[in-house]
Amino acid sequence: MFKFWKKKTGEESRDPGLATGNPENHEEHADAFAPEGIPASHDAPATAADMQPEPAAAAASPDRPDPNPAVPTKRSWRERLAGSIFHRNIGSLFARKPRLDEALLDELETALLGADVGVTATTTLVDDLRKRMNKREFADADALLAALRADLVALLQPVAQPLRIDAAQKPFVILMVGVNGVGKTTTIGKLARRFQTQGHGVALAAGDTFRAAAVEQLKTWGERNGVPVVAQGSGADSASVIFDALQSARSKQLDVLIADTAGRLHTQSGLMDELAKIRRVLAKLDAEAPHEVLLVIDGTTGQNAVNQTRQFRAAIGVTGLVVTKLDGSAKGGVVFALAREFGLPIRYVGLGETADDLREFEPAAFVDALLPENIGLSAES
């Protein structure tokens, strides 16, 4: 009898539930040391309820991570841009099946201006549609919508130029510029991840010495991506930091160097002059560096983005744009204004917070998300 009881206790000690640290399991161990003659709690006959499998505590408990977490799916362009003002304004216009007349064009013009498409781009688009309408090229409003979609894609097609790393330039130096709060440092981290997955060796330069937290933020991204970060103390000369980073990247035979700079207002001439100084200092090591100057633009800033682009282009010679924060409630139309005004390559757009949400710019997908072919039906539903 005693041997049977001892064997049963040994079998229960191998219960997987003991590994979970559940206090109830420790009580079962305590029963094994109970004086003889006192029935232990686990000697009670098993009931039907006892035979039921225990719920997965790890999945239900907020203190324990799910051992098999669901992998988030990559959301489509339509899902990311469905909340834009551009989508809502144009959608509500065509949802009511308007008549094909001048009143429709007037409302369309107002909607485009309200979505930050800009005066120049809006005037060009509407005037072209008006001429074609007067020539009776459109049978109804849906035909006009299709023509508008095609015109928008045609406007963006020339600026859809993905960034390609030139293997002949080693390291390929990318200088990141932009005002405070546009997501510049976050974009650097996402770019580092992207280039790594493409097989490039990457280094980062913490050139934003104007803001103490920026250096630590970039170091965090470096640790997360496993890439070296060249940094100095707060207040150090930004050009000197980036110069040292270029020397380091060269010595390590790395492929890409991404340099952060202080987030500055386009109206601050002193800080804008510092960008020109960085270019001059880099030229001492590489006459062609930086090989790419990416201006990060906040998609929610509207027409102010046009002024920022104009000033940064004059100060440092911007060669490409990254438009961030287009998901959510951004108007979305500023991309058309930038394309019409400057013709600068739009390298990437930010559609969310994850690394996969920094995407190469695709005009057809972008326009289809903002202005779907069935936008009238989707707006009604």
Protein backbone atom coordinates (compact mmCIF):
# COMPACT_ATOMS: atom_id res chain seq x y z
CA MET A 1 0.00 0.00 0.00
CA PHE A 2 2.78 2.42 0.94
CA LYS A 3 4.73 1.56 -2.24
CA PHE A 4 1.68 2.23 -4.37
CA TRP A 5 1.17 5.63 -2.74
CA LYS A 6 4.85 6.54 -3.25
CA LYS A 7 4.75 5.54 -6.92
CA LYS A 8 1.70 7.64 -7.51
CA THR A 9 3.36 10.67 -5.97
CA GLY A 10 6.39 10.23 -8.24
CA GLU A 11 4.16 10.08 -11.30
CA GLU A 12 2.39 13.27 -10.38
CA SER A 13 5.70 15.09 -9.81
CA ARG A 14 6.28 14.72 -13.52
CA ASP A 15 3.08 16.63 -14.27
CA PRO A 16 3.91 19.35 -16.85
CA GLY A 17 1.89 21.76 -14.77
CA LEU A 18 4.70 21.83 -12.18
CA ALA A 19 6.95 23.65 -14.59
CA THR A 20 4.58 26.58 -14.76
CA GLY A 21 5.25 27.75 -11.23
CA ASN A 22 1.57 27.43 -10.23
CA PRO A 23 1.26 27.70 -6.43
CA GLU A 24 -1.27 24.85 -6.48
CA ASN A 25 1.46 22.50 -7.69
CA HIS A 26 3.62 23.36 -4.68
CA GLU A 27 0.72 22.33 -2.44
CA GLU A 28 0.80 18.92 -4.10
CA HIS A 29 4.45 18.55 -3.17
CA ALA A 30 3.64 19.54 0.40
CA ASP A 31 1.06 16.72 0.56
CA ALA A 32 3.82 14.18 -0.04
CA PHE A 33 5.27 15.04 3.36
CA ALA A 34 1.94 14.79 5.23
CA PRO A 35 2.00 12.45 8.29
CA GLU A 36 0.73 8.93 7.72
CA GLY A 37 -2.92 8.47 8.27
CA ILE A 38 -3.80 11.94 7.03
CA PRO A 39 -5.19 11.72 3.50
CA ALA A 40 -3.36 13.88 0.98
CA SER A 41 -5.42 16.09 -1.29
CA HIS A 42 -4.30 14.24 -4.42
CA ASP A 43 -5.44 10.87 -3.00
CA ALA A 44 -9.08 11.90 -3.51
CA PRO A 45 -10.87 10.03 -6.30
CA ALA A 46 -10.72 11.84 -9.62
CA THR A 47 -13.99 13.36 -10.78
CA ALA A 48 -15.14 14.07 -14.30
CA ALA A 49 -14.21 17.72 -13.82
CA ASP A 50 -10.71 16.67 -12.74
CA MET A 51 -10.25 14.76 -15.97
CA GLN A 52 -10.90 17.86 -18.12
CA PRO A 53 -7.72 19.42 -19.60
CA GLU A 54 -6.59 22.58 -17.86
CA PRO A 55 -7.00 25.81 -19.80
CA ALA A 56 -3.84 27.21 -21.38
CA ALA A 57 -2.83 29.62 -18.65
CA ALA A 58 0.04 31.01 -20.70
CA ALA A 59 -2.35 32.17 -23.41
CA ALA A 60 -4.83 33.67 -21.00
CA SER A 61 -2.49 35.32 -18.54
CA PRO A 62 -1.30 38.82 -19.41
CA ASP A 63 1.88 38.13 -17.43
CA ARG A 64 2.94 35.34 -19.77
CA PRO A 65 3.62 35.87 -23.49
CA ASP A 66 1.85 33.66 -25.96
CA PRO A 67 4.33 30.92 -26.92
CA ASN A 68 2.92 30.93 -30.45
CA PRO A 69 2.09 34.58 -31.21
CA ALA A 70 0.19 35.34 -34.37
CA VAL A 71 2.37 36.78 -37.11
CA PRO A 72 0.91 40.16 -38.17
CA THR A 73 -0.07 40.25 -41.81
CA LYS A 74 1.15 43.03 -44.05
CA ARG A 75 -1.76 45.40 -44.59
CA SER A 76 -2.56 46.53 -48.12
CA TRP A 77 -2.24 50.07 -49.44
CA ARG A 78 -6.04 50.39 -49.41
CA GLU A 79 -6.23 49.36 -45.76
CA ARG A 80 -3.53 51.84 -44.79
CA LEU A 81 -4.96 54.81 -46.72
CA ALA A 82 -8.69 54.21 -46.30
CA GLY A 83 -8.91 56.85 -43.57
CA SER A 84 -7.33 59.65 -45.58
CA ILE A 85 -9.22 62.87 -46.18
CA PHE A 86 -8.55 62.50 -49.90
CA HIS A 87 -10.35 59.16 -49.91
CA ARG A 88 -13.29 60.42 -47.86
CA ASN A 89 -13.82 63.71 -49.71
CA ILE A 90 -13.67 62.29 -53.22
CA GLY A 91 -15.59 59.22 -52.15
CA SER A 92 -18.51 61.22 -50.77
CA LEU A 93 -18.58 63.25 -53.98
CA PHE A 94 -18.93 60.30 -56.34
CA ALA A 95 -21.02 58.16 -53.98
CA ARG A 96 -24.14 60.16 -54.72
CA LYS A 97 -23.82 59.50 -58.47
CA PRO A 98 -23.54 63.17 -59.49
CA ARG A 99 -24.48 64.57 -62.88
CA LEU A 100 -21.65 65.19 -65.34
CA ASP A 101 -21.59 69.00 -65.44
CA GLU A 102 -19.65 72.09 -64.36
CA ALA A 103 -20.99 71.81 -60.82
CA LEU A 104 -19.29 68.43 -60.48
CA LEU A 105 -15.96 69.88 -61.61
CA ASP A 106 -16.32 72.77 -59.16
CA GLU A 107 -16.94 70.36 -56.29
CA LEU A 108 -14.07 68.16 -57.41
CA GLU A 109 -11.75 71.17 -57.45
CA THR A 110 -12.77 72.07 -53.90
CA ALA A 111 -12.27 68.49 -52.72
CA LEU A 112 -8.79 68.26 -54.27
CA LEU A 113 -7.71 71.55 -52.70
CA GLY A 114 -9.05 70.39 -49.34
CA ALA A 115 -6.96 67.22 -49.64
CA ASP A 116 -3.71 69.24 -50.04
CA VAL A 117 -3.22 68.49 -53.73
CA GLY A 118 -2.22 72.14 -54.14
CA VAL A 119 -3.40 74.94 -56.41
CA THR A 120 -1.07 74.21 -59.32
CA ALA A 121 -1.71 70.48 -59.51
CA THR A 122 -5.46 70.88 -58.89
CA THR A 123 -5.83 73.52 -61.62
CA THR A 124 -3.95 71.37 -64.12
CA LEU A 125 -6.05 68.29 -63.35
CA VAL A 126 -9.44 70.02 -63.38
CA ASP A 127 -8.73 72.09 -66.51
CA ASP A 128 -7.77 68.93 -68.41
CA LEU A 129 -10.96 67.19 -67.30
CA ARG A 130 -13.04 70.23 -68.25
CA LYS A 131 -11.62 70.31 -71.78
CA ARG A 132 -12.30 66.63 -72.27
CA MET A 133 -15.81 66.95 -70.84
CA ASN A 134 -16.60 69.77 -73.25
CA LYS A 135 -15.42 67.49 -76.06
CA ARG A 136 -17.96 64.92 -74.82
CA GLU A 137 -15.29 62.31 -74.06
CA PHE A 138 -17.08 61.20 -70.88
CA ALA A 139 -20.39 59.38 -70.93
CA ASP A 140 -21.01 59.94 -67.21
CA ALA A 141 -19.36 60.81 -63.90
CA ASP A 142 -17.85 57.32 -63.60
CA ALA A 143 -15.98 57.88 -66.87
CA LEU A 144 -14.66 61.16 -65.51
CA LEU A 145 -13.54 59.37 -62.35
CA ALA A 146 -11.62 56.84 -64.42
CA ALA A 147 -9.93 59.67 -66.32
CA LEU A 148 -9.00 61.39 -63.05
CA ARG A 149 -7.44 58.19 -61.73
CA ALA A 150 -5.35 57.85 -64.88
CA ASP A 151 -4.23 61.49 -64.70
CA LEU A 152 -3.16 61.10 -61.06
CA VAL A 153 -1.09 58.02 -61.86
CA ALA A 154 0.51 59.82 -64.81
CA LEU A 155 1.40 62.74 -62.53
CA LEU A 156 3.18 60.46 -60.07
CA GLN A 157 4.80 58.01 -62.47
CA PRO A 158 7.89 60.14 -63.24
CA VAL A 159 8.78 60.53 -59.53
CA ALA A 160 8.43 56.83 -58.66
CA GLN A 161 12.15 56.07 -58.55
CA PRO A 162 13.18 53.57 -55.85
CA LEU A 163 16.54 54.13 -54.19
CA ARG A 164 19.23 51.81 -55.52
CA ILE A 165 22.57 51.42 -53.75
CA ASP A 166 25.48 52.04 -56.13
CA ALA A 167 28.01 49.29 -55.43
CA ALA A 168 30.75 51.45 -56.97
CA GLN A 169 30.34 53.91 -54.09
CA LYS A 170 31.51 52.16 -50.97
CA PRO A 171 30.21 53.17 -48.58
CA PHE A 172 27.14 54.67 -50.21
CA VAL A 173 26.44 57.69 -48.00
CA ILE A 174 22.83 58.68 -47.33
CA LEU A 175 22.23 61.97 -45.52
CA MET A 176 18.86 62.21 -43.79
CA VAL A 177 17.39 65.70 -43.36
CA GLY A 178 14.08 67.13 -42.19
CA VAL A 179 12.36 69.15 -39.51
CA ASN A 180 11.62 67.95 -36.00
CA GLY A 181 8.90 65.37 -35.54
CA VAL A 182 8.67 63.99 -39.08
CA GLY A 183 9.92 60.52 -38.10
CA LYS A 184 13.45 60.93 -39.43
CA THR A 185 15.26 58.75 -36.88
CA THR A 186 12.60 56.05 -37.10
CA THR A 187 12.94 56.09 -40.88
CA ILE A 188 16.70 55.59 -40.49
CA GLY A 189 16.10 52.48 -38.40
CA LYS A 190 13.67 51.08 -40.95
CA LEU A 191 16.06 51.81 -43.82
CA ALA A 192 18.88 50.06 -41.96
CA ARG A 193 16.69 46.97 -41.59
CA ARG A 194 15.72 47.09 -45.27
CA PHE A 195 19.32 47.36 -46.49
CA GLN A 196 20.40 44.56 -44.17
CA THR A 197 17.79 42.22 -45.61
CA GLN A 198 19.17 43.09 -49.06
CA GLY A 199 22.58 41.88 -47.95
CA HIS A 200 24.28 45.24 -47.38
CA GLY A 201 26.63 46.03 -44.51
CA VAL A 202 25.24 49.14 -42.78
CA ALA A 203 26.54 51.74 -40.32
CA LEU A 204 24.75 54.69 -38.72
CA ALA A 205 26.07 58.15 -37.84
CA ALA A 206 24.41 59.99 -34.93
CA GLY A 207 24.73 63.44 -36.45
CA ASP A 208 21.77 64.93 -34.57
CA THR A 209 23.89 66.32 -31.74
CA PHE A 210 21.50 69.21 -31.20
CA ARG A 211 19.03 66.97 -29.32
CA ALA A 212 20.50 64.75 -26.60
CA ALA A 213 17.81 62.08 -26.84
CA ALA A 214 18.37 61.67 -30.58
CA VAL A 215 21.76 60.03 -30.08
CA GLU A 216 20.33 57.48 -27.64
CA GLN A 217 17.39 56.84 -29.92
CA LEU A 218 19.69 56.07 -32.84
CA LYS A 219 21.84 53.81 -30.64
CA THR A 220 18.70 51.88 -29.74
CA TRP A 221 17.91 51.37 -33.40
CA GLY A 222 21.50 50.27 -33.96
CA GLU A 223 21.29 47.67 -31.20
CA ARG A 224 17.93 46.47 -32.47
CA ASN A 225 19.26 45.98 -35.99
CA GLY A 226 22.75 44.89 -34.97
CA VAL A 227 24.54 47.69 -36.84
CA PRO A 228 27.37 49.91 -35.56
CA VAL A 229 26.55 53.49 -34.56
CA VAL A 230 29.22 56.20 -34.56
CA ALA A 231 28.35 58.87 -31.99
CA GLN A 232 29.84 61.58 -29.82
CA GLY A 233 28.48 63.54 -26.91
CA SER A 234 25.59 65.97 -27.03
CA GLY A 235 26.59 69.29 -28.57
CA ALA A 236 29.43 67.82 -30.65
CA ASP A 237 30.04 69.10 -34.15
CA SER A 238 27.66 67.22 -36.45
CA ALA A 239 29.97 67.39 -39.46
CA SER A 240 32.80 65.92 -37.38
CA VAL A 241 30.64 62.99 -36.23
CA ILE A 242 29.59 62.13 -39.76
CA PHE A 243 33.17 62.50 -41.01
CA ASP A 244 34.35 60.00 -38.37
CA ALA A 245 31.52 57.65 -39.31
CA LEU A 246 32.57 57.74 -42.97
CA GLN A 247 36.15 56.88 -42.01
CA SER A 248 34.93 54.02 -39.83
CA ALA A 249 32.60 52.63 -42.51
CA ARG A 250 35.43 52.73 -45.02
CA SER A 251 37.81 50.88 -42.75
CA LYS A 252 35.19 48.17 -42.14
CA GLN A 253 34.37 47.88 -45.85
CA LEU A 254 30.68 48.53 -45.20
CA ASP A 255 28.27 49.15 -48.05
CA VAL A 256 25.98 51.86 -46.67
CA LEU A 257 26.35 54.73 -44.20
CA ILE A 258 23.15 56.45 -43.08
CA ALA A 259 23.77 59.78 -41.34
CA ASP A 260 21.22 61.46 -39.09
CA THR A 261 21.15 65.26 -38.82
CA ALA A 262 19.53 67.70 -36.42
CA GLY A 263 15.83 68.17 -36.99
CA ARG A 264 15.64 71.80 -37.93
CA LEU A 265 13.05 74.25 -39.07
CA HIS A 266 13.45 75.31 -42.68
CA THR A 267 13.40 78.92 -41.43
CA GLN A 268 16.50 78.48 -39.21
CA SER A 269 19.30 79.71 -41.46
CA GLY A 270 22.11 78.80 -39.02
CA LEU A 271 21.11 75.16 -38.85
CA MET A 272 20.49 75.05 -42.58
CA ASP A 273 24.03 76.35 -43.13
CA GLU A 274 25.28 73.42 -41.04
CA LEU A 275 23.94 71.04 -43.67
CA ALA A 276 26.06 72.74 -46.31
CA LYS A 277 29.06 72.37 -43.97
CA ILE A 278 28.45 68.63 -43.67
CA ARG A 279 28.59 68.30 -47.45
CA ARG A 280 31.86 70.24 -47.60
CA VAL A 281 33.48 68.15 -44.84
CA LEU A 282 32.44 64.85 -46.40
CA ALA A 283 33.91 65.96 -49.72
CA LYS A 284 37.38 65.84 -48.12
CA LEU A 285 37.09 62.04 -48.01
CA ASP A 286 34.74 61.46 -50.93
CA ALA A 287 34.13 64.21 -53.46
CA GLU A 288 30.75 62.70 -54.38
CA ALA A 289 29.45 62.20 -50.84
CA PRO A 290 26.71 62.29 -49.81
CA HIS A 291 25.46 60.13 -52.65
CA GLU A 292 21.83 60.56 -51.60
CA VAL A 293 20.15 63.31 -49.59
CA LEU A 294 16.77 62.09 -48.38
CA LEU A 295 14.33 64.71 -47.12
CA VAL A 296 11.76 63.22 -44.75
CA ILE A 297 8.37 64.90 -45.04
CA ASP A 298 5.42 64.47 -42.68
CA GLY A 299 2.39 63.67 -44.82
CA THR A 300 0.09 65.43 -42.35
CA THR A 301 1.74 68.87 -42.71
CA GLY A 302 -0.03 69.75 -45.94
CA GLN A 303 1.28 72.58 -48.06
CA ASN A 304 3.96 73.40 -45.50
CA ALA A 305 5.76 70.35 -46.92
CA VAL A 306 6.17 72.25 -50.17
CA ASN A 307 7.94 75.12 -48.37
CA GLN A 308 10.18 72.69 -46.49
CA THR A 309 11.19 70.95 -49.70
CA ARG A 310 11.99 74.24 -51.39
CA GLN A 311 14.25 75.41 -48.54
CA PHE A 312 16.08 72.11 -48.01
CA ARG A 313 16.60 71.71 -51.74
CA ALA A 314 18.29 75.12 -51.88
CA ALA A 315 20.45 74.47 -48.79
CA ILE A 316 21.75 70.94 -49.38
CA GLY A 317 20.50 69.70 -52.74
CA VAL A 318 17.79 67.15 -51.92
CA THR A 319 17.88 64.13 -54.23
CA GLY A 320 14.93 62.14 -52.91
CA LEU A 321 11.89 62.27 -50.66
CA VAL A 322 10.42 60.03 -47.96
CA VAL A 323 6.81 60.90 -47.11
CA THR A 324 5.83 59.52 -43.71
CA LYS A 325 2.63 59.20 -41.65
CA LEU A 326 0.34 58.76 -44.65
CA ASP A 327 -1.74 56.18 -42.77
CA GLY A 328 -4.54 57.29 -40.51
CA SER A 329 -6.05 60.72 -41.01
CA ALA A 330 -3.42 62.27 -43.32
CA LYS A 331 -4.92 64.13 -46.26
CA GLY A 332 -2.65 62.32 -48.72
CA GLY A 333 -2.82 64.90 -51.49
CA VAL A 334 0.52 66.52 -50.64
CA VAL A 335 2.29 63.76 -52.59
CA PHE A 336 0.69 65.10 -55.80
CA ALA A 337 1.66 68.67 -54.90
CA LEU A 338 5.30 67.67 -54.34
CA ALA A 339 5.41 65.72 -57.60
CA ARG A 340 3.95 68.62 -59.59
CA GLU A 341 6.06 71.31 -57.93
CA PHE A 342 9.50 69.69 -57.81
CA GLY A 343 9.59 66.41 -59.69
CA LEU A 344 11.94 64.96 -57.05
CA PRO A 345 12.05 61.17 -56.77
CA ILE A 346 9.77 59.83 -54.06
CA ARG A 347 11.84 56.95 -52.75
CA TYR A 348 9.65 55.67 -49.94
CA VAL A 349 6.35 56.32 -48.17
CA GLY A 350 5.53 55.51 -44.56
CA LEU A 351 2.24 53.67 -44.11
CA GLY A 352 2.58 52.55 -40.49
CA GLU A 353 4.91 51.87 -37.58
CA THR A 354 6.49 48.54 -38.50
CA ALA A 355 9.60 48.12 -40.65
CA ASP A 356 7.49 46.60 -43.44
CA ASP A 357 5.35 49.74 -43.54
CA LEU A 358 8.18 51.76 -45.07
CA ARG A 359 7.51 50.92 -48.70
CA GLU A 360 8.87 51.84 -52.06
CA PHE A 361 6.55 54.29 -53.76
CA GLU A 362 4.13 52.71 -56.22
CA PRO A 363 1.92 55.27 -58.03
CA ALA A 364 -0.74 52.83 -59.22
CA ALA A 365 -1.15 51.24 -55.78
CA PHE A 366 -1.15 54.67 -54.12
CA VAL A 367 -3.83 56.13 -56.39
CA ASP A 368 -5.93 52.97 -56.23
CA ALA A 369 -5.87 53.17 -52.43
CA LEU A 370 -6.85 56.84 -52.32
CA LEU A 371 -9.31 56.70 -55.21
CA PRO A 372 -10.53 53.13 -55.87
CA GLU A 373 -12.38 52.42 -59.09
CA ASN A 374 -15.45 51.50 -57.04
CA ILE A 375 -15.04 54.42 -54.62
CA GLY A 376 -18.66 55.34 -54.91
CA LEU A 377 -19.77 51.91 -53.74
CA SER A 378 -17.19 51.78 -50.93
CA ALA A 379 -18.20 55.19 -49.66
CA GLU A 380 -21.85 54.16 -49.48
CA SER A 381 -21.11 50.97 -47.52
